[in-house]
Amino acid sequence: MLLKELLIQYEVKNDKSHVEVAKEVGVSLSTYYRWLNGESLHLKKRTIDRLSEVLHYDINQVVEESARLKPILGQVKAGYDLYAQEDIEGYIELGLADGQKGDYFLRVTGDSMEGSHIYDGDLVYVQQCDCVESGQIAIVLVGQEATIKKVYYKQDLMILEASNAKYNSKFFTQQEVEELPVRIIGLVRYVRRDFL
């Protein structure tokens, strides 16, 4: 069972609001909302102990299960011109080792990464981070636009490169990186393709 499900059950059973339960557990309302959205399960031991006490449930078990259950958060464009949006499509259960390597999945739309064997409709498993090494495949926000590209650093440039020859690379100066902004939001760990 997921933490958010336990919290909602507790609220309903005890006729309590989000504010009341957050206060009872001893966390901020914003932290509580992150739990309800399934965004954060990096809990301190004292928080786990307090949640276990309040909910009358072994939260350690929930955290271990959740570490293996990763959301499909939405889509990322293998190309350009798709605005970043989070729309949870579902969850994928992983083995413990894979569960610790990343944070979420994104569904790829477009063909700009076909040379890296990332195709339209594939799921990429992403480790949330704000920097990658030159040559790695990353999820990048350019303004409000999310894209998946190889990232290279040369002199004072950040280069976003497709692995399909019909797409041009995009070059950004340090000033453009700061002003647009251009932000790395995740490292692609692997690709998952389901055959129906």
Protein backbone atom coordinates (compact mmCIF):
# COMPACT_ATOMS: atom_id res chain seq x y z
CA MET A 1 0.00 0.00 0.00
CA LEU A 2 1.23 3.52 -0.80
CA LEU A 3 1.70 6.20 1.84
CA LYS A 4 -0.79 8.51 0.14
CA GLU A 5 -3.44 5.78 0.29
CA LEU A 6 -2.81 5.26 4.01
CA LEU A 7 -3.02 9.00 4.66
CA ILE A 8 -6.30 9.37 2.77
CA GLN A 9 -7.79 6.35 4.58
CA TYR A 10 -6.73 7.83 7.91
CA GLU A 11 -8.29 11.21 7.04
CA VAL A 12 -11.58 9.65 5.97
CA LYS A 13 -11.79 7.24 8.91
CA ASN A 14 -11.04 9.97 11.44
CA ASP A 15 -12.78 12.86 9.64
CA LYS A 16 -9.60 14.95 9.55
CA SER A 17 -8.28 17.49 7.05
CA HIS A 18 -4.88 17.58 5.37
CA VAL A 19 -3.91 20.42 7.72
CA GLU A 20 -4.89 18.45 10.83
CA VAL A 21 -3.01 15.30 9.82
CA ALA A 22 0.11 17.23 8.78
CA LYS A 23 0.11 18.93 12.19
CA GLU A 24 -0.46 15.62 13.99
CA VAL A 25 2.46 14.00 12.15
CA GLY A 26 4.63 17.09 12.66
CA VAL A 27 5.38 18.09 9.08
CA SER A 28 4.67 21.17 6.97
CA LEU A 29 1.61 21.23 4.76
CA SER A 30 3.83 21.40 1.66
CA THR A 31 5.63 18.19 2.73
CA TYR A 32 2.27 16.55 3.37
CA TYR A 33 1.07 17.53 -0.13
CA ARG A 34 4.27 16.07 -1.64
CA TRP A 35 3.41 12.77 0.10
CA LEU A 36 -0.14 12.89 -1.26
CA ASN A 37 1.21 13.56 -4.76
CA GLY A 38 3.66 10.67 -4.44
CA GLU A 39 6.60 13.03 -4.98
CA SER A 40 8.68 12.48 -1.87
CA LEU A 41 9.42 9.45 0.25
CA HIS A 42 12.85 10.40 1.56
CA LEU A 43 11.79 10.27 5.20
CA LYS A 44 13.86 10.68 8.32
CA LYS A 45 13.69 7.89 10.90
CA ARG A 46 11.78 10.04 13.40
CA THR A 47 9.21 10.91 10.70
CA ILE A 48 8.80 7.22 9.85
CA ASP A 49 8.37 6.41 13.55
CA ARG A 50 5.79 9.19 14.00
CA LEU A 51 3.85 8.15 10.89
CA SER A 52 3.84 4.53 12.07
CA GLU A 53 2.50 5.66 15.44
CA VAL A 54 -0.24 7.90 14.00
CA LEU A 55 -1.37 5.55 11.21
CA HIS A 56 -0.90 2.31 13.17
CA TYR A 57 0.99 0.84 10.23
CA ASP A 58 4.62 -0.16 9.56
CA ILE A 59 5.76 2.80 7.45
CA ASN A 60 9.21 1.23 6.94
CA GLN A 61 7.48 -1.42 4.84
CA VAL A 62 5.62 1.27 2.87
CA VAL A 63 8.86 3.17 2.18
CA GLU A 64 10.59 -0.01 0.98
CA GLU A 65 7.67 -0.84 -1.33
CA SER A 66 7.50 2.75 -2.61
CA ALA A 67 11.21 2.72 -3.40
CA ARG A 68 10.36 0.04 -5.96
CA LEU A 69 7.18 1.65 -7.30
CA LYS A 70 7.99 4.48 -9.73
CA PRO A 71 5.48 6.83 -11.39
CA ILE A 72 5.14 7.49 -15.10
CA LEU A 73 4.99 11.27 -14.75
CA GLY A 74 4.06 12.30 -18.25
CA GLN A 75 5.75 12.90 -21.57
CA VAL A 76 9.06 14.24 -22.79
CA LYS A 77 9.62 15.30 -26.35
CA ALA A 78 12.31 13.65 -28.43
CA GLY A 79 12.40 16.82 -30.49
CA TYR A 80 11.27 20.25 -29.36
CA ASP A 81 8.09 22.23 -28.79
CA LEU A 82 6.44 20.17 -26.04
CA TYR A 83 5.72 21.99 -22.83
CA ALA A 84 6.64 20.25 -19.61
CA GLN A 85 3.64 18.76 -17.88
CA GLU A 86 3.19 16.27 -15.13
CA ASP A 87 0.30 13.92 -15.58
CA ILE A 88 0.73 10.63 -13.73
CA GLU A 89 -0.09 7.89 -16.21
CA GLY A 90 0.50 5.00 -13.80
CA TYR A 91 3.22 3.22 -11.85
CA ILE A 92 5.84 0.59 -12.64
CA GLU A 93 7.15 -1.79 -10.01
CA LEU A 94 10.89 -2.38 -10.17
CA GLY A 95 13.35 -4.64 -8.41
CA LEU A 96 15.05 -3.11 -5.37
CA ALA A 97 18.36 -2.45 -7.19
CA ASP A 98 16.66 -0.65 -10.11
CA GLY A 99 14.33 1.17 -7.72
CA GLN A 100 17.33 2.85 -6.12
CA LYS A 101 18.81 4.02 -9.44
CA GLY A 102 16.10 6.47 -10.44
CA ASP A 103 13.02 8.42 -9.51
CA TYR A 104 10.39 8.31 -12.27
CA PHE A 105 9.54 7.35 -15.84
CA LEU A 106 8.67 9.64 -18.75
CA ARG A 107 7.04 8.59 -22.01
CA VAL A 108 8.95 9.68 -25.12
CA THR A 109 7.16 11.35 -28.01
CA GLY A 110 9.01 11.93 -31.27
CA ASP A 111 11.96 10.42 -33.11
CA SER A 112 14.97 12.64 -32.42
CA MET A 113 16.70 10.03 -30.21
CA GLU A 114 16.29 6.98 -32.48
CA GLY A 115 20.05 6.76 -33.01
CA SER A 116 20.33 6.05 -29.27
CA HIS A 117 17.61 3.37 -29.52
CA ILE A 118 15.01 5.60 -27.84
CA TYR A 119 11.81 5.46 -29.88
CA ASP A 120 8.43 7.16 -29.88
CA GLY A 121 6.31 5.60 -27.11
CA ASP A 122 9.26 4.25 -25.09
CA LEU A 123 9.56 4.89 -21.38
CA VAL A 124 12.80 6.39 -20.08
CA TYR A 125 13.77 5.84 -16.45
CA VAL A 126 15.09 9.08 -14.99
CA GLN A 127 17.27 9.87 -12.01
CA GLN A 128 16.45 13.36 -10.80
CA CYS A 129 19.54 15.59 -10.88
CA ASP A 130 20.65 19.03 -11.99
CA CYS A 131 23.87 18.15 -13.84
CA VAL A 132 25.21 15.37 -16.05
CA GLU A 133 28.58 14.55 -17.57
CA SER A 134 29.30 15.58 -21.14
CA GLY A 135 27.88 13.01 -23.56
CA GLN A 136 25.16 11.66 -21.27
CA ILE A 137 21.48 11.60 -22.21
CA ALA A 138 19.40 13.93 -20.05
CA ILE A 139 15.98 15.45 -19.61
CA VAL A 140 16.38 19.18 -20.12
CA LEU A 141 14.00 22.10 -19.64
CA VAL A 142 14.51 24.89 -22.15
CA GLY A 143 12.27 27.59 -20.73
CA GLN A 144 9.05 25.63 -20.17
CA GLU A 145 9.83 23.07 -22.89
CA ALA A 146 10.98 19.57 -21.87
CA THR A 147 13.23 17.58 -24.17
CA ILE A 148 15.46 14.50 -24.08
CA LYS A 149 18.90 15.00 -25.65
CA LYS A 150 22.59 14.19 -25.35
CA VAL A 151 24.25 17.02 -23.44
CA TYR A 152 27.73 18.23 -24.32
CA TYR A 153 29.84 21.00 -22.83
CA LYS A 154 32.42 22.69 -25.08
CA GLN A 155 34.21 25.87 -24.09
CA ASP A 156 31.43 28.14 -22.79
CA LEU A 157 28.60 26.33 -24.59
CA MET A 158 25.98 23.79 -23.58
CA ILE A 159 25.00 21.71 -26.61
CA LEU A 160 21.81 19.64 -26.85
CA GLU A 161 22.29 17.02 -29.54
CA ALA A 162 19.72 14.71 -31.09
CA SER A 163 20.75 11.24 -32.23
CA ASN A 164 18.76 11.51 -35.43
CA ALA A 165 20.50 13.34 -38.32
CA LYS A 166 17.33 15.14 -39.38
CA TYR A 167 17.45 17.26 -36.19
CA ASN A 168 19.96 20.04 -35.65
CA SER A 169 21.86 20.44 -32.41
CA LYS A 170 21.01 23.45 -30.28
CA PHE A 171 23.79 25.59 -28.83
CA PHE A 172 23.39 27.75 -25.73
CA THR A 173 25.83 30.28 -24.33
CA GLN A 174 26.26 30.55 -20.57
CA GLN A 175 24.14 33.71 -20.65
CA GLU A 176 21.32 31.91 -22.53
CA VAL A 177 21.51 28.99 -20.06
CA GLU A 178 20.88 31.44 -17.22
CA GLU A 179 18.31 33.67 -18.94
CA LEU A 180 16.03 31.17 -20.73
CA PRO A 181 16.80 29.17 -18.46
CA VAL A 182 18.19 25.86 -19.71
CA ARG A 183 18.09 23.38 -16.83
CA ILE A 184 18.98 19.72 -16.58
CA ILE A 185 16.31 17.99 -14.52
CA GLY A 186 17.31 14.36 -14.87
CA LEU A 187 19.73 11.73 -16.14
CA VAL A 188 18.28 8.97 -18.33
CA ARG A 189 19.23 5.67 -16.70
CA TYR A 190 17.65 3.28 -19.20
CA VAL A 191 14.87 2.78 -21.72
CA ARG A 192 11.92 0.45 -21.31
CA ARG A 193 9.94 -0.73 -24.28
CA ASP A 194 6.80 -2.83 -23.90
CA PHE A 195 5.81 -5.17 -26.69
CA LEU A 196 2.09 -5.82 -26.83
